[in-house]
Amino acid sequence: MTDLGWRAVLFDLDGTLADTVELILSSFRHTMEVHLGATPPDEEFLLGIGTPLPVQIDAFARSDTEHRAMLATYVSYQRSLHDGMVRAFPGAVSVLARLKARGVPLGLVTSKSRGIACRTLDVCMLTNSFDTLVCGDEVEHGKPHPEPVLRALTDLRVDEAAHRVLFVGDSSHDLRAGKAAGVRTAAVGWGPIARDVLAVEGPDYFLERMEEVLEITPDD
């Protein structure tokens, strides 16, 4: 047990550690314009953030063929802009370093595929921060299913007292996955999803600053 009382702390990536929202929305708008000739409201795509990209695209594609084409367009466009549009949120680098210095096992649970997730971590200077990475292309069921969170617990050898694990995320899908896996959840206030939307999921904590991760402890 660490001095914070957590057996492990898990983090989402997009919207939690990495400020990628404008990149995501730019890629969405471009993809929709290319394939549909029009761009649906950003809010429709934002609601899917936290789920795997194929699931998000499925809500807009009119056929399997179009779905595959949309995915290819999105991924290609995203990769062309990625490094210039991604940055770590304030405090992310220092907070992860301080957690690591305190001996807290750290896991990343993201719906991104491993390749682009590692690229995002590299740009954000977070490459060596985690003891395990669970990516969207490595699980059968993505968030909000608990499988990715449970996989991280297995990797970190947390086989009991899951309530002493904290999962920090910015979306309803993160919070649902964490709750279904039996861990504590913290919703962040700096992501793209409004607090009242996240409040519906009943997170254990709300964070307004990254540094607050260092201040909260299990309450039992």
C-alpha atoms as a PDB file:
ATOM      1  CA  MET A   1       0.000   0.000   0.000  1.00  0.00           C
ATOM      2  CA  THR A   2       1.319   3.455  -0.897  1.00  0.00           C
ATOM      3  CA  ASP A   3       1.224   6.461   1.408  1.00  0.00           C
ATOM      4  CA  LEU A   4      -1.806   7.717  -0.552  1.00  0.00           C
ATOM      5  CA  GLY A   5      -3.698   4.539   0.209  1.00  0.00           C
ATOM      6  CA  TRP A   6      -4.204   3.548  -3.442  1.00  0.00           C
ATOM      7  CA  ARG A   7      -3.182   0.133  -4.711  1.00  0.00           C
ATOM      8  CA  ALA A   8      -2.956   1.682  -8.196  1.00  0.00           C
ATOM      9  CA  VAL A   9      -4.111   4.725 -10.149  1.00  0.00           C
ATOM     10  CA  LEU A  10      -5.399   4.369 -13.714  1.00  0.00           C
ATOM     11  CA  PHE A  11      -5.789   7.183 -16.231  1.00  0.00           C
ATOM     12  CA  ASP A  12      -7.656   7.726 -19.464  1.00  0.00           C
ATOM     13  CA  LEU A  13      -5.619   9.521 -22.144  1.00  0.00           C
ATOM     14  CA  ASP A  14      -7.618  11.845 -24.429  1.00  0.00           C
ATOM     15  CA  GLY A  15      -9.257  14.665 -22.503  1.00  0.00           C
ATOM     16  CA  THR A  16      -7.670  13.526 -19.237  1.00  0.00           C
ATOM     17  CA  LEU A  17      -3.881  13.615 -19.644  1.00  0.00           C
ATOM     18  CA  ALA A  18      -3.630  14.797 -23.246  1.00  0.00           C
ATOM     19  CA  ASP A  19      -5.421  17.805 -24.696  1.00  0.00           C
ATOM     20  CA  THR A  20      -6.508  16.269 -28.002  1.00  0.00           C
ATOM     21  CA  VAL A  21     -10.073  17.541 -28.368  1.00  0.00           C
ATOM     22  CA  GLU A  22      -9.405  19.975 -31.216  1.00  0.00           C
ATOM     23  CA  LEU A  23      -7.479  17.283 -33.086  1.00  0.00           C
ATOM     24  CA  ILE A  24     -10.352  14.843 -32.601  1.00  0.00           C
ATOM     25  CA  LEU A  25     -12.967  17.340 -33.727  1.00  0.00           C
ATOM     26  CA  SER A  26     -10.908  18.501 -36.712  1.00  0.00           C
ATOM     27  CA  SER A  27     -10.519  14.884 -37.822  1.00  0.00           C
ATOM     28  CA  PHE A  28     -14.239  14.275 -37.319  1.00  0.00           C
ATOM     29  CA  ARG A  29     -15.286  17.348 -39.311  1.00  0.00           C
ATOM     30  CA  HIS A  30     -12.918  16.512 -42.152  1.00  0.00           C
ATOM     31  CA  THR A  31     -14.124  12.900 -42.302  1.00  0.00           C
ATOM     32  CA  MET A  32     -17.800  13.819 -42.289  1.00  0.00           C
ATOM     33  CA  GLU A  33     -17.318  16.489 -44.954  1.00  0.00           C
ATOM     34  CA  VAL A  34     -15.437  14.079 -47.214  1.00  0.00           C
ATOM     35  CA  HIS A  35     -17.933  11.236 -46.915  1.00  0.00           C
ATOM     36  CA  LEU A  36     -21.264  12.886 -46.090  1.00  0.00           C
ATOM     37  CA  GLY A  37     -20.793  16.301 -47.657  1.00  0.00           C
ATOM     38  CA  ALA A  38     -21.859  17.903 -44.373  1.00  0.00           C
ATOM     39  CA  THR A  39     -20.695  18.067 -40.784  1.00  0.00           C
ATOM     40  CA  PRO A  40     -23.005  16.976 -37.941  1.00  0.00           C
ATOM     41  CA  PRO A  41     -22.829  18.986 -34.703  1.00  0.00           C
ATOM     42  CA  ASP A  42     -19.612  18.475 -32.721  1.00  0.00           C
ATOM     43  CA  GLU A  43     -21.680  17.434 -29.720  1.00  0.00           C
ATOM     44  CA  GLU A  44     -22.773  14.254 -31.485  1.00  0.00           C
ATOM     45  CA  PHE A  45     -19.171  13.092 -31.774  1.00  0.00           C
ATOM     46  CA  LEU A  46     -18.094  14.344 -28.349  1.00  0.00           C
ATOM     47  CA  LEU A  47     -20.601  12.030 -26.700  1.00  0.00           C
ATOM     48  CA  GLY A  48     -18.658   9.076 -28.111  1.00  0.00           C
ATOM     49  CA  ILE A  49     -15.274  10.191 -26.808  1.00  0.00           C
ATOM     50  CA  GLY A  50     -13.937   7.443 -24.586  1.00  0.00           C
ATOM     51  CA  THR A  51     -15.200   4.635 -26.823  1.00  0.00           C
ATOM     52  CA  PRO A  52     -13.101   3.041 -29.602  1.00  0.00           C
ATOM     53  CA  LEU A  53     -12.960   5.020 -32.852  1.00  0.00           C
ATOM     54  CA  PRO A  54     -14.723   2.293 -34.908  1.00  0.00           C
ATOM     55  CA  VAL A  55     -17.674   2.531 -32.514  1.00  0.00           C
ATOM     56  CA  GLN A  56     -17.774   6.318 -32.843  1.00  0.00           C
ATOM     57  CA  ILE A  57     -17.655   6.195 -36.636  1.00  0.00           C
ATOM     58  CA  ASP A  58     -20.354   3.526 -36.750  1.00  0.00           C
ATOM     59  CA  ALA A  59     -22.916   6.083 -35.593  1.00  0.00           C
ATOM     60  CA  PHE A  60     -22.442   8.051 -38.838  1.00  0.00           C
ATOM     61  CA  ALA A  61     -21.574   5.485 -41.527  1.00  0.00           C
ATOM     62  CA  ARG A  62     -24.397   4.288 -43.776  1.00  0.00           C
ATOM     63  CA  SER A  63     -22.777   1.008 -44.792  1.00  0.00           C
ATOM     64  CA  ASP A  64     -19.875  -1.262 -43.910  1.00  0.00           C
ATOM     65  CA  THR A  65     -17.966   0.017 -46.924  1.00  0.00           C
ATOM     66  CA  GLU A  66     -18.470   3.623 -45.893  1.00  0.00           C
ATOM     67  CA  HIS A  67     -17.497   2.746 -42.336  1.00  0.00           C
ATOM     68  CA  ARG A  68     -14.156   1.374 -43.491  1.00  0.00           C
ATOM     69  CA  ALA A  69     -13.572   4.388 -45.743  1.00  0.00           C
ATOM     70  CA  MET A  70     -14.432   6.832 -42.954  1.00  0.00           C
ATOM     71  CA  LEU A  71     -12.020   5.108 -40.593  1.00  0.00           C
ATOM     72  CA  ALA A  72      -9.218   5.315 -43.156  1.00  0.00           C
ATOM     73  CA  THR A  73      -9.896   9.008 -43.804  1.00  0.00           C
ATOM     74  CA  TYR A  74     -10.057   9.843 -40.106  1.00  0.00           C
ATOM     75  CA  VAL A  75      -6.869   7.982 -39.212  1.00  0.00           C
ATOM     76  CA  SER A  76      -4.893   9.419 -42.127  1.00  0.00           C
ATOM     77  CA  TYR A  77      -5.983  12.983 -41.403  1.00  0.00           C
ATOM     78  CA  GLN A  78      -5.397  12.624 -37.666  1.00  0.00           C
ATOM     79  CA  ARG A  79      -1.877  11.322 -38.167  1.00  0.00           C
ATOM     80  CA  SER A  80      -1.026  14.201 -40.505  1.00  0.00           C
ATOM     81  CA  LEU A  81      -1.892  16.793 -37.833  1.00  0.00           C
ATOM     82  CA  HIS A  82      -1.246  14.888 -34.615  1.00  0.00           C
ATOM     83  CA  ASP A  83       2.081  16.155 -33.327  1.00  0.00           C
ATOM     84  CA  GLY A  84       1.264  19.830 -33.847  1.00  0.00           C
ATOM     85  CA  MET A  85      -2.136  19.681 -32.159  1.00  0.00           C
ATOM     86  CA  VAL A  86      -1.452  17.545 -29.073  1.00  0.00           C
ATOM     87  CA  ARG A  87      -0.118  18.669 -25.716  1.00  0.00           C
ATOM     88  CA  ALA A  88      -0.241  17.454 -22.124  1.00  0.00           C
ATOM     89  CA  PHE A  89      -2.698  19.161 -19.815  1.00  0.00           C
ATOM     90  CA  PRO A  90      -1.060  21.356 -17.152  1.00  0.00           C
ATOM     91  CA  GLY A  91       0.253  19.255 -14.287  1.00  0.00           C
ATOM     92  CA  ALA A  92       0.051  15.906 -16.079  1.00  0.00           C
ATOM     93  CA  VAL A  93       3.792  15.303 -16.344  1.00  0.00           C
ATOM     94  CA  SER A  94       4.598  16.406 -12.805  1.00  0.00           C
ATOM     95  CA  VAL A  95       1.675  14.604 -11.146  1.00  0.00           C
ATOM     96  CA  LEU A  96       2.506  11.283 -12.805  1.00  0.00           C
ATOM     97  CA  ALA A  97       6.147  11.716 -11.844  1.00  0.00           C
ATOM     98  CA  ARG A  98       5.189  12.385  -8.222  1.00  0.00           C
ATOM     99  CA  LEU A  99       2.844   9.387  -8.108  1.00  0.00           C
ATOM    100  CA  LYS A 100       5.595   7.203  -9.507  1.00  0.00           C
ATOM    101  CA  ALA A 101       8.073   8.574  -6.938  1.00  0.00           C
ATOM    102  CA  ARG A 102       5.633   7.600  -4.192  1.00  0.00           C
ATOM    103  CA  GLY A 103       5.557   4.037  -5.482  1.00  0.00           C
ATOM    104  CA  VAL A 104       2.013   4.121  -6.870  1.00  0.00           C
ATOM    105  CA  PRO A 105       1.560   1.615  -9.740  1.00  0.00           C
ATOM    106  CA  LEU A 106       0.177   3.476 -12.760  1.00  0.00           C
ATOM    107  CA  GLY A 107      -1.896   2.255 -15.684  1.00  0.00           C
ATOM    108  CA  LEU A 108      -3.181   3.859 -18.862  1.00  0.00           C
ATOM    109  CA  VAL A 109      -6.599   2.694 -20.054  1.00  0.00           C
ATOM    110  CA  THR A 110      -7.403   4.217 -23.438  1.00  0.00           C
ATOM    111  CA  SER A 111      -9.685   3.483 -26.368  1.00  0.00           C
ATOM    112  CA  LYS A 112      -6.923   4.562 -28.739  1.00  0.00           C
ATOM    113  CA  SER A 113      -4.996   1.922 -30.640  1.00  0.00           C
ATOM    114  CA  ARG A 114      -1.527   1.285 -29.265  1.00  0.00           C
ATOM    115  CA  GLY A 115       0.349   2.967 -32.094  1.00  0.00           C
ATOM    116  CA  ILE A 116      -1.354   6.344 -31.840  1.00  0.00           C
ATOM    117  CA  ALA A 117      -1.580   6.125 -28.032  1.00  0.00           C
ATOM    118  CA  CYS A 118       2.206   5.709 -27.788  1.00  0.00           C
ATOM    119  CA  ARG A 119       2.668   8.611 -30.193  1.00  0.00           C
ATOM    120  CA  THR A 120       0.454  10.814 -28.017  1.00  0.00           C
ATOM    121  CA  LEU A 121       2.381   9.808 -24.905  1.00  0.00           C
ATOM    122  CA  ASP A 122       5.646  10.612 -26.651  1.00  0.00           C
ATOM    123  CA  VAL A 123       4.493  14.082 -27.720  1.00  0.00           C
ATOM    124  CA  CYS A 124       3.243  14.740 -24.173  1.00  0.00           C
ATOM    125  CA  MET A 125       6.524  13.509 -22.625  1.00  0.00           C
ATOM    126  CA  LEU A 126       4.694  10.732 -20.766  1.00  0.00           C
ATOM    127  CA  THR A 127       6.228   7.733 -22.523  1.00  0.00           C
ATOM    128  CA  ASN A 128       7.822   6.123 -19.460  1.00  0.00           C
ATOM    129  CA  SER A 129       5.136   7.045 -16.952  1.00  0.00           C
ATOM    130  CA  PHE A 130       3.100   3.836 -16.880  1.00  0.00           C
ATOM    131  CA  ASP A 131       3.532   0.310 -15.612  1.00  0.00           C
ATOM    132  CA  THR A 132       0.913  -0.953 -18.050  1.00  0.00           C
ATOM    133  CA  LEU A 133      -0.921   0.309 -21.135  1.00  0.00           C
ATOM    134  CA  VAL A 134      -4.301  -1.152 -22.107  1.00  0.00           C
ATOM    135  CA  CYS A 135      -5.311   0.075 -25.559  1.00  0.00           C
ATOM    136  CA  GLY A 136      -8.527  -0.164 -27.514  1.00  0.00           C
ATOM    137  CA  ASP A 137      -7.176  -2.529 -30.151  1.00  0.00           C
ATOM    138  CA  GLU A 138      -6.023  -5.006 -27.511  1.00  0.00           C
ATOM    139  CA  VAL A 139      -9.358  -5.843 -25.877  1.00  0.00           C
ATOM    140  CA  GLU A 140     -12.477  -7.534 -27.154  1.00  0.00           C
ATOM    141  CA  HIS A 141     -14.795  -5.047 -25.486  1.00  0.00           C
ATOM    142  CA  GLY A 142     -13.855  -1.375 -25.170  1.00  0.00           C
ATOM    143  CA  LYS A 143     -15.102   1.147 -22.631  1.00  0.00           C
ATOM    144  CA  PRO A 144     -17.726   1.465 -21.182  1.00  0.00           C
ATOM    145  CA  HIS A 145     -17.314  -2.312 -20.770  1.00  0.00           C
ATOM    146  CA  PRO A 146     -15.131  -3.061 -17.716  1.00  0.00           C
ATOM    147  CA  GLU A 147     -12.727  -5.322 -19.658  1.00  0.00           C
ATOM    148  CA  PRO A 148     -10.013  -2.670 -20.232  1.00  0.00           C
ATOM    149  CA  VAL A 149     -10.003  -1.683 -16.552  1.00  0.00           C
ATOM    150  CA  LEU A 150      -9.977  -5.292 -15.408  1.00  0.00           C
ATOM    151  CA  ARG A 151      -7.093  -6.003 -17.786  1.00  0.00           C
ATOM    152  CA  ALA A 152      -5.107  -3.182 -16.170  1.00  0.00           C
ATOM    153  CA  LEU A 153      -5.806  -4.598 -12.704  1.00  0.00           C
ATOM    154  CA  THR A 154      -4.542  -7.987 -13.844  1.00  0.00           C
ATOM    155  CA  ASP A 155      -1.406  -6.458 -15.342  1.00  0.00           C
ATOM    156  CA  LEU A 156      -0.728  -4.564 -12.112  1.00  0.00           C
ATOM    157  CA  ARG A 157      -1.477  -7.685 -10.028  1.00  0.00           C
ATOM    158  CA  VAL A 158      -4.306  -6.060  -8.129  1.00  0.00           C
ATOM    159  CA  ASP A 159      -6.395  -9.168  -7.530  1.00  0.00           C
ATOM    160  CA  GLU A 160      -8.321  -7.878  -4.545  1.00  0.00           C
ATOM    161  CA  ALA A 161      -9.336  -4.574  -2.957  1.00  0.00           C
ATOM    162  CA  ALA A 162     -10.256  -3.073  -6.322  1.00  0.00           C
ATOM    163  CA  HIS A 163     -12.047  -0.335  -4.373  1.00  0.00           C
ATOM    164  CA  ARG A 164      -8.561   0.909  -3.513  1.00  0.00           C
ATOM    165  CA  VAL A 165      -7.830   1.561  -7.179  1.00  0.00           C
ATOM    166  CA  LEU A 166      -8.643   4.963  -8.684  1.00  0.00           C
ATOM    167  CA  PHE A 167      -9.584   5.474 -12.337  1.00  0.00           C
ATOM    168  CA  VAL A 168      -9.334   9.081 -13.563  1.00  0.00           C
ATOM    169  CA  GLY A 169     -11.248   9.974 -16.726  1.00  0.00           C
ATOM    170  CA  ASP A 170     -13.118  12.683 -18.572  1.00  0.00           C
ATOM    171  CA  SER A 171     -16.050  10.792 -20.098  1.00  0.00           C
ATOM    172  CA  SER A 172     -19.158   8.936 -19.029  1.00  0.00           C
ATOM    173  CA  HIS A 173     -17.673   5.847 -20.663  1.00  0.00           C
ATOM    174  CA  ASP A 174     -14.611   6.003 -18.382  1.00  0.00           C
ATOM    175  CA  LEU A 175     -16.775   6.311 -15.299  1.00  0.00           C
ATOM    176  CA  ARG A 176     -19.075   3.461 -16.320  1.00  0.00           C
ATOM    177  CA  ALA A 177     -16.137   1.186 -17.071  1.00  0.00           C
ATOM    178  CA  GLY A 178     -14.532   1.976 -13.728  1.00  0.00           C
ATOM    179  CA  LYS A 179     -17.696   1.417 -11.743  1.00  0.00           C
ATOM    180  CA  ALA A 180     -18.423  -1.849 -13.537  1.00  0.00           C
ATOM    181  CA  ALA A 181     -14.903  -3.017 -12.640  1.00  0.00           C
ATOM    182  CA  GLY A 182     -15.413  -2.133  -8.980  1.00  0.00           C
ATOM    183  CA  VAL A 183     -12.825   0.664  -8.766  1.00  0.00           C
ATOM    184  CA  ARG A 184     -13.213   4.217  -7.530  1.00  0.00           C
ATOM    185  CA  THR A 185     -13.724   6.855 -10.216  1.00  0.00           C
ATOM    186  CA  ALA A 186     -12.682  10.484 -10.539  1.00  0.00           C
ATOM    187  CA  ALA A 187     -14.191  12.776 -13.172  1.00  0.00           C
ATOM    188  CA  VAL A 188     -12.011  15.617 -14.420  1.00  0.00           C
ATOM    189  CA  GLY A 189     -13.259  19.146 -14.946  1.00  0.00           C
ATOM    190  CA  TRP A 190     -10.875  20.110 -17.729  1.00  0.00           C
ATOM    191  CA  GLY A 191     -12.131  17.699 -20.402  1.00  0.00           C
ATOM    192  CA  PRO A 192     -14.758  18.323 -23.093  1.00  0.00           C
ATOM    193  CA  ILE A 193     -17.734  16.803 -21.252  1.00  0.00           C
ATOM    194  CA  ALA A 194     -19.836  19.032 -18.991  1.00  0.00           C
ATOM    195  CA  ARG A 195     -19.878  18.334 -15.270  1.00  0.00           C
ATOM    196  CA  ASP A 196     -23.652  17.805 -15.174  1.00  0.00           C
ATOM    197  CA  VAL A 197     -23.321  15.045 -17.787  1.00  0.00           C
ATOM    198  CA  LEU A 198     -20.583  13.336 -15.771  1.00  0.00           C
ATOM    199  CA  ALA A 199     -22.524  13.774 -12.519  1.00  0.00           C
ATOM    200  CA  VAL A 200     -25.198  11.390 -13.819  1.00  0.00           C
ATOM    201  CA  GLU A 201     -22.621   8.583 -13.567  1.00  0.00           C
ATOM    202  CA  GLY A 202     -22.025   9.227  -9.867  1.00  0.00           C
ATOM    203  CA  PRO A 203     -18.219   9.503  -9.789  1.00  0.00           C
ATOM    204  CA  ASP A 204     -16.592   9.191  -6.379  1.00  0.00           C
ATOM    205  CA  TYR A 205     -14.604  12.376  -6.918  1.00  0.00           C
ATOM    206  CA  PHE A 206     -14.619  15.481  -9.108  1.00  0.00           C
ATOM    207  CA  LEU A 207     -11.241  17.014  -9.918  1.00  0.00           C
ATOM    208  CA  GLU A 208     -10.765  20.612 -11.021  1.00  0.00           C
ATOM    209  CA  ARG A 209      -6.956  20.467 -11.075  1.00  0.00           C
ATOM    210  CA  MET A 210      -4.636  17.614 -11.966  1.00  0.00           C
ATOM    211  CA  GLU A 211      -2.811  18.083  -8.682  1.00  0.00           C
ATOM    212  CA  GLU A 212      -5.919  17.018  -6.752  1.00  0.00           C
ATOM    213  CA  VAL A 213      -5.093  13.419  -7.673  1.00  0.00           C
ATOM    214  CA  LEU A 214      -2.324  13.701  -5.068  1.00  0.00           C
ATOM    215  CA  GLU A 215      -4.762  14.867  -2.400  1.00  0.00           C
ATOM    216  CA  ILE A 216      -7.545  12.282  -2.469  1.00  0.00           C
ATOM    217  CA  THR A 217      -7.398   8.962  -0.636  1.00  0.00           C
ATOM    218  CA  PRO A 218      -9.742   5.969  -0.253  1.00  0.00           C
ATOM    219  CA  ASP A 219     -12.397   6.634   2.360  1.00  0.00           C
ATOM    220  CA  ASP A 220     -12.465   3.104   3.739  1.00  0.00           C
END
